[in-house]
Amino acid sequence: MLTDGELVQAARRGQKGAFTALMTRHQGAARSFARRLSADPGEADDIAQDAFVFAWSNLHRLRAPERFKSWLLGAVLNTARSRMRSRARRRARDGAWLDAAPQAAQAPGEAAVTAVQLFQSLSLDQRATLALCHGEGWSHAEAAEMLGQPLGTVKSNIRRAREKLRTLLGEP
C-alpha cells in the first residue's frame, strides 16, 4: 500500500486515482471531525466535501506530503470556521440574533440535555481540540501543530472545555 506522501506525489504528477485513494483513505476521519464541529450532519458532510475540494485545488501547496491527513483536517477546521462566520454574518444581517444564542443546559431534574447540545455550547476551538485529542486520540502536541496553536493554548482549551461541560452538567 502506498503512503500518503507517495499518493500526494502521484496526484501532483496527474496520476489518475491517486487523489481518489487519498479521499477514500481519509474520508471517515474528515467527516467524523466535521461532525464533531457541526451539530448538523448535512452541514458536516458539506464541510468535509469542501475541505476535499480545497485539498485537491491546493495540493501543490502542501509542503509535507506525508502529513496529508493533518493538513486535510486543518482544512476541515478552517472550512467550519468560515461557515460559522458566514452564518453569523447572515444572522446578524437578517436580525435573527436570538437563533444564534447557545442553549444552556437544563437544571438537574429537568429534561436531559444531549451530548451534542453540550458539545455545541463550547467554542469552535474547544470543540476542535477535544475532537482531536479525545475523539481522534491525538496528543496535545499533535493537535497544537495541526491547529497552529501553542501547546499551552491547546491544554487551556481542553481545561476550559472540561470546566464548562462540568458546570453545564451541574458537577462540582
N, C-alpha and C. Protein backbone atom coordinates (compact mmCIF):
# COMPACT_ATOMS: atom_id res chain seq x y z
N MET A 1 0.84 -1.17 0.00
CA MET A 1 0.00 0.00 0.00
C MET A 1 0.89 1.25 0.00
N LEU A 2 0.53 2.21 -0.82
CA LEU A 2 1.29 3.45 -0.92
C LEU A 2 1.03 4.34 0.29
N THR A 3 2.03 5.09 0.70
CA THR A 3 1.88 6.04 1.80
C THR A 3 1.15 7.28 1.30
N ASP A 4 0.71 8.10 2.24
CA ASP A 4 0.07 9.36 1.85
C ASP A 4 1.01 10.22 1.02
N GLY A 5 2.27 10.28 1.43
CA GLY A 5 3.24 11.08 0.69
C GLY A 5 3.40 10.61 -0.75
N GLU A 6 3.43 9.31 -0.94
CA GLU A 6 3.55 8.77 -2.30
C GLU A 6 2.29 9.05 -3.12
N LEU A 7 1.14 8.95 -2.49
CA LEU A 7 -0.11 9.25 -3.20
C LEU A 7 -0.20 10.73 -3.57
N VAL A 8 0.23 11.61 -2.66
CA VAL A 8 0.23 13.04 -2.96
C VAL A 8 1.13 13.32 -4.15
N GLN A 9 2.33 12.75 -4.14
CA GLN A 9 3.26 12.96 -5.26
C GLN A 9 2.67 12.43 -6.56
N ALA A 10 2.03 11.28 -6.50
CA ALA A 10 1.41 10.71 -7.70
C ALA A 10 0.27 11.60 -8.20
N ALA A 11 -0.53 12.12 -7.29
CA ALA A 11 -1.63 13.01 -7.67
C ALA A 11 -1.08 14.29 -8.30
N ARG A 12 0.00 14.80 -7.76
CA ARG A 12 0.63 16.00 -8.32
C ARG A 12 1.13 15.76 -9.75
N ARG A 13 1.55 14.54 -10.02
CA ARG A 13 2.03 14.18 -11.36
C ARG A 13 0.87 13.89 -12.30
N GLY A 14 -0.36 13.94 -11.80
CA GLY A 14 -1.52 13.71 -12.64
C GLY A 14 -1.94 12.25 -12.75
N GLN A 15 -1.42 11.42 -11.89
CA GLN A 15 -1.76 10.00 -11.93
C GLN A 15 -3.21 9.82 -11.50
N LYS A 16 -3.99 9.24 -12.39
CA LYS A 16 -5.40 9.04 -12.11
C LYS A 16 -5.58 8.10 -10.93
N GLY A 17 -6.49 8.43 -10.07
CA GLY A 17 -6.83 7.58 -8.95
C GLY A 17 -6.04 7.85 -7.68
N ALA A 18 -4.94 8.59 -7.75
CA ALA A 18 -4.13 8.84 -6.56
C ALA A 18 -4.89 9.68 -5.55
N PHE A 19 -5.51 10.76 -6.02
CA PHE A 19 -6.26 11.61 -5.09
C PHE A 19 -7.51 10.88 -4.60
N THR A 20 -8.11 10.09 -5.46
CA THR A 20 -9.27 9.29 -5.04
C THR A 20 -8.87 8.34 -3.91
N ALA A 21 -7.69 7.76 -4.00
CA ALA A 21 -7.21 6.87 -2.94
C ALA A 21 -7.02 7.64 -1.63
N LEU A 22 -6.52 8.87 -1.72
CA LEU A 22 -6.38 9.71 -0.52
C LEU A 22 -7.75 10.02 0.08
N MET A 23 -8.70 10.34 -0.79
CA MET A 23 -10.06 10.63 -0.31
C MET A 23 -10.66 9.41 0.38
N THR A 24 -10.53 8.27 -0.24
CA THR A 24 -11.08 7.05 0.32
C THR A 24 -10.45 6.75 1.68
N ARG A 25 -9.15 6.93 1.76
CA ARG A 25 -8.41 6.65 2.99
C ARG A 25 -8.81 7.58 4.13
N HIS A 26 -9.06 8.86 3.84
CA HIS A 26 -9.24 9.86 4.90
C HIS A 26 -10.66 10.42 5.00
N GLN A 27 -11.56 9.90 4.20
CA GLN A 27 -12.93 10.38 4.20
C GLN A 27 -13.59 10.21 5.58
N GLY A 28 -13.40 9.07 6.20
CA GLY A 28 -14.00 8.81 7.51
C GLY A 28 -13.51 9.78 8.57
N ALA A 29 -12.21 10.02 8.61
CA ALA A 29 -11.65 10.95 9.59
C ALA A 29 -12.14 12.37 9.35
N ALA A 30 -12.18 12.79 8.09
CA ALA A 30 -12.63 14.15 7.78
C ALA A 30 -14.10 14.34 8.16
N ARG A 31 -14.93 13.39 7.83
CA ARG A 31 -16.36 13.51 8.16
C ARG A 31 -16.59 13.42 9.66
N SER A 32 -15.87 12.54 10.32
CA SER A 32 -16.01 12.40 11.77
C SER A 32 -15.62 13.70 12.48
N PHE A 33 -14.51 14.29 12.06
CA PHE A 33 -14.06 15.55 12.64
C PHE A 33 -15.08 16.66 12.35
N ALA A 34 -15.57 16.72 11.13
CA ALA A 34 -16.56 17.75 10.78
C ALA A 34 -17.84 17.58 11.59
N ARG A 35 -18.24 16.35 11.84
CA ARG A 35 -19.46 16.12 12.63
C ARG A 35 -19.28 16.53 14.08
N ARG A 36 -18.07 16.50 14.55
CA ARG A 36 -17.81 16.97 15.92
C ARG A 36 -17.82 18.50 15.98
N LEU A 37 -17.57 19.13 14.85
CA LEU A 37 -17.54 20.59 14.82
C LEU A 37 -18.90 21.20 14.51
N SER A 38 -19.76 20.46 13.85
CA SER A 38 -21.08 20.97 13.46
C SER A 38 -22.17 20.04 13.97
N ALA A 39 -23.22 20.63 14.52
CA ALA A 39 -24.32 19.82 15.05
C ALA A 39 -25.18 19.25 13.93
N ASP A 40 -25.11 19.84 12.76
CA ASP A 40 -25.94 19.42 11.63
C ASP A 40 -25.15 18.42 10.77
N PRO A 41 -25.58 17.15 10.72
CA PRO A 41 -24.85 16.15 9.93
C PRO A 41 -24.73 16.51 8.45
N GLY A 42 -25.76 17.13 7.89
CA GLY A 42 -25.69 17.53 6.49
C GLY A 42 -24.63 18.60 6.27
N GLU A 43 -24.58 19.56 7.17
CA GLU A 43 -23.57 20.60 7.06
C GLU A 43 -22.18 20.00 7.28
N ALA A 44 -22.06 19.05 8.18
CA ALA A 44 -20.77 18.41 8.43
C ALA A 44 -20.27 17.72 7.17
N ASP A 45 -21.15 17.03 6.48
CA ASP A 45 -20.75 16.39 5.23
C ASP A 45 -20.32 17.42 4.19
N ASP A 46 -21.03 18.56 4.14
CA ASP A 46 -20.65 19.64 3.22
C ASP A 46 -19.28 20.20 3.58
N ILE A 47 -19.03 20.33 4.88
CA ILE A 47 -17.73 20.85 5.34
C ILE A 47 -16.62 19.91 4.89
N ALA A 48 -16.82 18.61 5.10
CA ALA A 48 -15.80 17.64 4.70
C ALA A 48 -15.59 17.68 3.19
N GLN A 49 -16.69 17.76 2.43
CA GLN A 49 -16.58 17.81 0.97
C GLN A 49 -15.82 19.06 0.52
N ASP A 50 -16.15 20.20 1.12
CA ASP A 50 -15.45 21.44 0.78
C ASP A 50 -13.96 21.35 1.12
N ALA A 51 -13.64 20.66 2.21
CA ALA A 51 -12.22 20.50 2.58
C ALA A 51 -11.49 19.66 1.54
N PHE A 52 -12.14 18.64 1.01
CA PHE A 52 -11.51 17.83 -0.04
C PHE A 52 -11.34 18.63 -1.33
N VAL A 53 -12.31 19.47 -1.64
CA VAL A 53 -12.18 20.33 -2.83
C VAL A 53 -10.99 21.27 -2.64
N PHE A 54 -10.89 21.84 -1.44
CA PHE A 54 -9.75 22.71 -1.13
C PHE A 54 -8.44 21.93 -1.29
N ALA A 55 -8.41 20.72 -0.73
CA ALA A 55 -7.19 19.90 -0.80
C ALA A 55 -6.79 19.62 -2.24
N TRP A 56 -7.77 19.28 -3.06
CA TRP A 56 -7.47 19.00 -4.46
C TRP A 56 -6.93 20.25 -5.16
N SER A 57 -7.56 21.38 -4.90
CA SER A 57 -7.17 22.64 -5.56
C SER A 57 -5.82 23.16 -5.07
N ASN A 58 -5.43 22.79 -3.86
CA ASN A 58 -4.22 23.34 -3.27
C ASN A 58 -3.15 22.28 -2.98
N LEU A 59 -3.28 21.14 -3.59
CA LEU A 59 -2.34 20.04 -3.34
C LEU A 59 -0.90 20.47 -3.63
N HIS A 60 -0.72 21.34 -4.59
CA HIS A 60 0.62 21.81 -4.94
C HIS A 60 1.26 22.63 -3.81
N ARG A 61 0.44 23.13 -2.89
CA ARG A 61 0.94 23.96 -1.79
C ARG A 61 1.34 23.16 -0.56
N LEU A 62 0.97 21.90 -0.52
CA LEU A 62 1.28 21.06 0.64
C LEU A 62 2.78 20.84 0.72
N ARG A 63 3.39 21.33 1.79
CA ARG A 63 4.85 21.27 1.93
C ARG A 63 5.33 19.89 2.38
N ALA A 64 4.54 19.22 3.20
CA ALA A 64 4.95 17.92 3.73
C ALA A 64 3.91 16.89 3.30
N PRO A 65 4.07 16.29 2.12
CA PRO A 65 3.08 15.36 1.60
C PRO A 65 2.72 14.21 2.54
N GLU A 66 3.67 13.80 3.37
CA GLU A 66 3.40 12.70 4.29
C GLU A 66 2.44 13.11 5.41
N ARG A 67 2.17 14.40 5.55
CA ARG A 67 1.27 14.91 6.59
C ARG A 67 -0.09 15.31 5.98
N PHE A 68 -0.48 14.64 4.93
CA PHE A 68 -1.73 14.97 4.23
C PHE A 68 -2.93 14.96 5.17
N LYS A 69 -3.05 13.94 6.02
CA LYS A 69 -4.22 13.84 6.90
C LYS A 69 -4.32 15.04 7.82
N SER A 70 -3.23 15.43 8.43
CA SER A 70 -3.21 16.58 9.33
C SER A 70 -3.60 17.84 8.57
N TRP A 71 -3.07 18.00 7.37
CA TRP A 71 -3.36 19.16 6.53
C TRP A 71 -4.84 19.17 6.15
N LEU A 72 -5.37 18.02 5.81
CA LEU A 72 -6.78 17.91 5.45
C LEU A 72 -7.67 18.26 6.63
N LEU A 73 -7.35 17.76 7.82
CA LEU A 73 -8.17 18.08 8.99
C LEU A 73 -8.08 19.57 9.33
N GLY A 74 -6.95 20.18 9.05
CA GLY A 74 -6.84 21.64 9.20
C GLY A 74 -7.78 22.35 8.24
N ALA A 75 -7.90 21.81 7.03
CA ALA A 75 -8.83 22.38 6.05
C ALA A 75 -10.28 22.20 6.52
N VAL A 76 -10.57 21.08 7.15
CA VAL A 76 -11.91 20.86 7.70
C VAL A 76 -12.21 21.92 8.76
N LEU A 77 -11.26 22.14 9.66
CA LEU A 77 -11.45 23.14 10.71
C LEU A 77 -11.62 24.54 10.13
N ASN A 78 -10.78 24.91 9.18
CA ASN A 78 -10.89 26.24 8.56
C ASN A 78 -12.20 26.41 7.81
N THR A 79 -12.66 25.36 7.16
CA THR A 79 -13.95 25.42 6.46
C THR A 79 -15.08 25.60 7.46
N ALA A 80 -15.02 24.87 8.58
CA ALA A 80 -16.05 25.02 9.62
C ALA A 80 -16.05 26.44 10.18
N ARG A 81 -14.86 26.98 10.42
CA ARG A 81 -14.77 28.36 10.93
C ARG A 81 -15.38 29.35 9.93
N SER A 82 -15.06 29.17 8.66
CA SER A 82 -15.57 30.05 7.62
C SER A 82 -17.10 29.98 7.56
N ARG A 83 -17.64 28.78 7.62
CA ARG A 83 -19.10 28.62 7.59
C ARG A 83 -19.75 29.26 8.81
N MET A 84 -19.11 29.14 9.97
CA MET A 84 -19.66 29.75 11.18
C MET A 84 -19.67 31.27 11.05
N ARG A 85 -18.59 31.83 10.51
CA ARG A 85 -18.54 33.29 10.32
C ARG A 85 -19.62 33.73 9.34
N SER A 86 -19.79 32.99 8.26
CA SER A 86 -20.82 33.33 7.27
C SER A 86 -22.20 33.27 7.89
N ARG A 87 -22.44 32.22 8.65
CA ARG A 87 -23.75 32.05 9.30
C ARG A 87 -24.00 33.20 10.29
N ALA A 88 -22.96 33.58 11.02
CA ALA A 88 -23.11 34.68 11.98
C ALA A 88 -23.41 35.99 11.27
N ARG A 89 -22.71 36.24 10.15
CA ARG A 89 -22.98 37.47 9.40
C ARG A 89 -24.40 37.47 8.84
N ARG A 90 -24.83 36.31 8.35
CA ARG A 90 -26.17 36.20 7.78
C ARG A 90 -27.23 36.42 8.86
N ARG A 91 -27.02 35.84 10.02
CA ARG A 91 -27.99 36.02 11.12
C ARG A 91 -28.03 37.47 11.57
N ALA A 92 -26.85 38.09 11.66
CA ALA A 92 -26.82 39.49 12.07
C ALA A 92 -27.54 40.36 11.05
N ARG A 93 -27.29 40.07 9.79
CA ARG A 93 -27.93 40.83 8.72
C ARG A 93 -29.44 40.64 8.74
N ASP A 94 -29.87 39.45 9.00
CA ASP A 94 -31.30 39.15 9.00
C ASP A 94 -31.98 39.49 10.32
N GLY A 95 -31.20 39.86 11.32
CA GLY A 95 -31.79 40.23 12.61
C GLY A 95 -32.23 39.03 13.43
N ALA A 96 -31.72 37.85 13.13
CA ALA A 96 -32.14 36.65 13.85
C ALA A 96 -31.13 36.30 14.93
N TRP A 97 -30.73 37.27 15.71
CA TRP A 97 -29.70 37.03 16.71
C TRP A 97 -30.15 36.08 17.81
N LEU A 98 -31.40 35.97 18.06
CA LEU A 98 -31.87 35.05 19.10
C LEU A 98 -31.60 33.59 18.72
N ASP A 99 -31.65 33.29 17.42
CA ASP A 99 -31.39 31.92 16.98
C ASP A 99 -29.93 31.51 17.22
N ALA A 100 -29.04 32.50 17.26
CA ALA A 100 -27.63 32.19 17.43
C ALA A 100 -27.23 31.99 18.88
N ALA A 101 -28.09 32.35 19.83
CA ALA A 101 -27.77 32.22 21.24
C ALA A 101 -27.69 30.74 21.62
N PRO A 102 -26.59 30.33 22.27
CA PRO A 102 -26.48 28.92 22.65
C PRO A 102 -27.53 28.56 23.69
N GLN A 103 -28.00 27.36 23.62
CA GLN A 103 -28.97 26.87 24.59
C GLN A 103 -28.23 26.39 25.83
N ALA A 104 -28.62 26.90 26.98
CA ALA A 104 -27.98 26.49 28.23
C ALA A 104 -28.46 25.11 28.64
N ALA A 105 -27.62 24.40 29.31
CA ALA A 105 -28.02 23.10 29.83
C ALA A 105 -29.11 23.30 30.87
N GLN A 106 -30.00 22.36 30.98
CA GLN A 106 -31.10 22.48 31.90
C GLN A 106 -30.69 22.01 33.28
N ALA A 107 -31.36 22.52 34.28
CA ALA A 107 -31.05 22.18 35.65
C ALA A 107 -31.34 20.71 35.91
N PRO A 108 -30.66 20.14 36.90
CA PRO A 108 -30.95 18.74 37.24
C PRO A 108 -32.42 18.57 37.55
N GLY A 109 -32.97 17.47 37.12
CA GLY A 109 -34.39 17.20 37.35
C GLY A 109 -35.25 17.60 36.17
N GLU A 110 -34.73 18.45 35.27
CA GLU A 110 -35.47 18.82 34.07
C GLU A 110 -35.10 17.86 32.95
N ALA A 111 -35.64 18.10 31.76
CA ALA A 111 -35.35 17.22 30.62
C ALA A 111 -33.84 17.15 30.39
N ALA A 112 -33.38 16.01 30.02
CA ALA A 112 -31.94 15.80 29.82
C ALA A 112 -31.44 16.56 28.61
N VAL A 113 -30.22 17.04 28.74
CA VAL A 113 -29.54 17.74 27.65
C VAL A 113 -28.75 16.68 26.88
N THR A 114 -28.71 16.79 25.58
CA THR A 114 -27.98 15.80 24.81
C THR A 114 -26.51 16.14 24.76
N ALA A 115 -25.70 15.14 24.49
CA ALA A 115 -24.26 15.35 24.37
C ALA A 115 -23.95 16.34 23.25
N VAL A 116 -24.71 16.27 22.17
CA VAL A 116 -24.48 17.18 21.05
C VAL A 116 -24.73 18.62 21.49
N GLN A 117 -25.80 18.86 22.24
CA GLN A 117 -26.09 20.21 22.72
C GLN A 117 -24.97 20.72 23.61
N LEU A 118 -24.48 19.85 24.49
CA LEU A 118 -23.38 20.25 25.36
C LEU A 118 -22.13 20.57 24.55
N PHE A 119 -21.81 19.71 23.61
CA PHE A 119 -20.62 19.90 22.79
C PHE A 119 -20.72 21.18 21.98
N GLN A 120 -21.90 21.48 21.47
CA GLN A 120 -22.09 22.68 20.66
C GLN A 120 -22.03 23.95 21.50
N SER A 121 -22.16 23.84 22.82
CA SER A 121 -22.07 25.02 23.68
C SER A 121 -20.63 25.49 23.83
N LEU A 122 -19.68 24.66 23.44
CA LEU A 122 -18.26 25.02 23.51
C LEU A 122 -17.88 25.87 22.30
N SER A 123 -16.79 26.62 22.45
CA SER A 123 -16.29 27.38 21.31
C SER A 123 -15.77 26.41 20.25
N LEU A 124 -15.64 26.88 19.02
CA LEU A 124 -15.15 26.02 17.94
C LEU A 124 -13.74 25.51 18.25
N ASP A 125 -12.89 26.35 18.80
CA ASP A 125 -11.53 25.92 19.14
C ASP A 125 -11.56 24.84 20.22
N GLN A 126 -12.43 24.99 21.20
CA GLN A 126 -12.54 23.96 22.24
C GLN A 126 -13.07 22.66 21.66
N ARG A 127 -14.07 22.74 20.79
CA ARG A 127 -14.60 21.52 20.16
C ARG A 127 -13.54 20.84 19.32
N ALA A 128 -12.80 21.63 18.54
CA ALA A 128 -11.77 21.07 17.68
C ALA A 128 -10.69 20.38 18.52
N THR A 129 -10.27 21.02 19.59
CA THR A 129 -9.24 20.45 20.44
C THR A 129 -9.71 19.15 21.09
N LEU A 130 -10.93 19.16 21.64
CA LEU A 130 -11.46 17.94 22.24
C LEU A 130 -11.64 16.83 21.21
N ALA A 131 -12.12 17.21 20.03
CA ALA A 131 -12.35 16.21 18.98
C ALA A 131 -11.04 15.55 18.56
N LEU A 132 -9.98 16.34 18.44
CA LEU A 132 -8.69 15.78 18.04
C LEU A 132 -8.06 14.95 19.16
N CYS A 133 -8.04 15.50 20.38
CA CYS A 133 -7.33 14.83 21.47
C CYS A 133 -8.12 13.66 22.05
N HIS A 134 -9.41 13.83 22.22
CA HIS A 134 -10.20 12.76 22.83
C HIS A 134 -10.93 11.91 21.79
N GLY A 135 -11.40 12.53 20.74
CA GLY A 135 -12.13 11.78 19.72
C GLY A 135 -11.22 11.02 18.77
N GLU A 136 -10.13 11.67 18.35
CA GLU A 136 -9.22 11.05 17.38
C GLU A 136 -7.99 10.43 18.04
N GLY A 137 -7.78 10.72 19.33
CA GLY A 137 -6.65 10.14 20.04
C GLY A 137 -5.32 10.81 19.77
N TRP A 138 -5.33 12.05 19.29
CA TRP A 138 -4.09 12.76 19.02
C TRP A 138 -3.50 13.26 20.34
N SER A 139 -2.19 13.41 20.38
CA SER A 139 -1.55 14.01 21.55
C SER A 139 -1.80 15.51 21.52
N HIS A 140 -1.57 16.14 22.67
CA HIS A 140 -1.73 17.60 22.72
C HIS A 140 -0.77 18.28 21.74
N ALA A 141 0.45 17.75 21.64
CA ALA A 141 1.45 18.33 20.74
C ALA A 141 1.01 18.20 19.28
N GLU A 142 0.46 17.04 18.92
CA GLU A 142 -0.01 16.84 17.54
C GLU A 142 -1.17 17.79 17.23
N ALA A 143 -2.09 17.95 18.18
CA ALA A 143 -3.21 18.86 17.98
C ALA A 143 -2.72 20.30 17.87
N ALA A 144 -1.76 20.67 18.69
CA ALA A 144 -1.22 22.04 18.64
C ALA A 144 -0.60 22.32 17.27
N GLU A 145 0.14 21.35 16.76
CA GLU A 145 0.78 21.53 15.45
C GLU A 145 -0.28 21.67 14.36
N MET A 146 -1.27 20.79 14.37
CA MET A 146 -2.30 20.83 13.34
C MET A 146 -3.13 22.11 13.41
N LEU A 147 -3.45 22.56 14.63
CA LEU A 147 -4.27 23.75 14.80
C LEU A 147 -3.46 25.03 14.66
N GLY A 148 -2.14 24.91 14.64
CA GLY A 148 -1.29 26.10 14.54
C GLY A 148 -1.35 26.94 15.81
N GLN A 149 -1.49 26.26 16.94
CA GLN A 149 -1.59 26.95 18.23
C GLN A 149 -0.46 26.48 19.14
N PRO A 150 -0.08 27.33 20.10
CA PRO A 150 0.91 26.88 21.08
C PRO A 150 0.35 25.72 21.90
N LEU A 151 1.23 24.87 22.40
CA LEU A 151 0.82 23.72 23.19
C LEU A 151 0.01 24.16 24.41
N GLY A 152 0.41 25.25 25.04
CA GLY A 152 -0.32 25.76 26.21
C GLY A 152 -1.75 26.15 25.88
N THR A 153 -1.97 26.68 24.69
CA THR A 153 -3.32 27.06 24.27
C THR A 153 -4.21 25.82 24.12
N VAL A 154 -3.64 24.77 23.54
CA VAL A 154 -4.40 23.53 23.38
C VAL A 154 -4.78 22.98 24.76
N LYS A 155 -3.82 22.95 25.67
CA LYS A 155 -4.10 22.45 27.02
C LYS A 155 -5.15 23.33 27.72
N SER A 156 -5.05 24.64 27.54
CA SER A 156 -6.03 25.54 28.15
C SER A 156 -7.42 25.32 27.56
N ASN A 157 -7.49 25.12 26.25
CA ASN A 157 -8.79 24.87 25.62
C ASN A 157 -9.43 23.59 26.16
N ILE A 158 -8.63 22.57 26.36
CA ILE A 158 -9.16 21.33 26.91
C ILE A 158 -9.64 21.56 28.34
N ARG A 159 -8.85 22.23 29.15
CA ARG A 159 -9.23 22.50 30.54
C ARG A 159 -10.50 23.34 30.60
N ARG A 160 -10.57 24.40 29.81
CA ARG A 160 -11.76 25.26 29.83
C ARG A 160 -13.00 24.51 29.33
N ALA A 161 -12.82 23.68 28.32
CA ALA A 161 -13.95 22.91 27.81
C ALA A 161 -14.47 21.95 28.87
N ARG A 162 -13.57 21.27 29.54
CA ARG A 162 -13.98 20.35 30.61
C ARG A 162 -14.70 21.09 31.72
N GLU A 163 -14.15 22.26 32.11
CA GLU A 163 -14.79 23.05 33.17
C GLU A 163 -16.19 23.48 32.76
N LYS A 164 -16.34 23.93 31.53
CA LYS A 164 -17.66 24.37 31.06
C LYS A 164 -18.64 23.21 31.03
N LEU A 165 -18.19 22.06 30.54
CA LEU A 165 -19.07 20.90 30.50
C LEU A 165 -19.48 20.46 31.89
N ARG A 166 -18.54 20.49 32.83
CA ARG A 166 -18.88 20.13 34.21
C ARG A 166 -19.91 21.11 34.79
N THR A 167 -19.71 22.39 34.53
CA THR A 167 -20.66 23.40 35.02
C THR A 167 -22.05 23.16 34.42
N LEU A 168 -22.10 22.95 33.12
CA LEU A 168 -23.39 22.73 32.47
C LEU A 168 -24.09 21.46 32.96
N LEU A 169 -23.29 20.46 33.34
CA LEU A 169 -23.85 19.22 33.86
C LEU A 169 -24.15 19.30 35.36
N GLY A 170 -23.79 20.41 35.97
CA GLY A 170 -24.07 20.58 37.40
C GLY A 170 -23.11 19.82 38.30
N GLU A 171 -21.93 19.49 37.78
CA GLU A 171 -20.93 18.80 38.58
C GLU A 171 -20.02 19.80 39.23
N PRO A 172 -19.44 19.43 40.41
CA PRO A 172 -18.53 20.37 41.09
C PRO A 172 -17.21 20.51 40.35
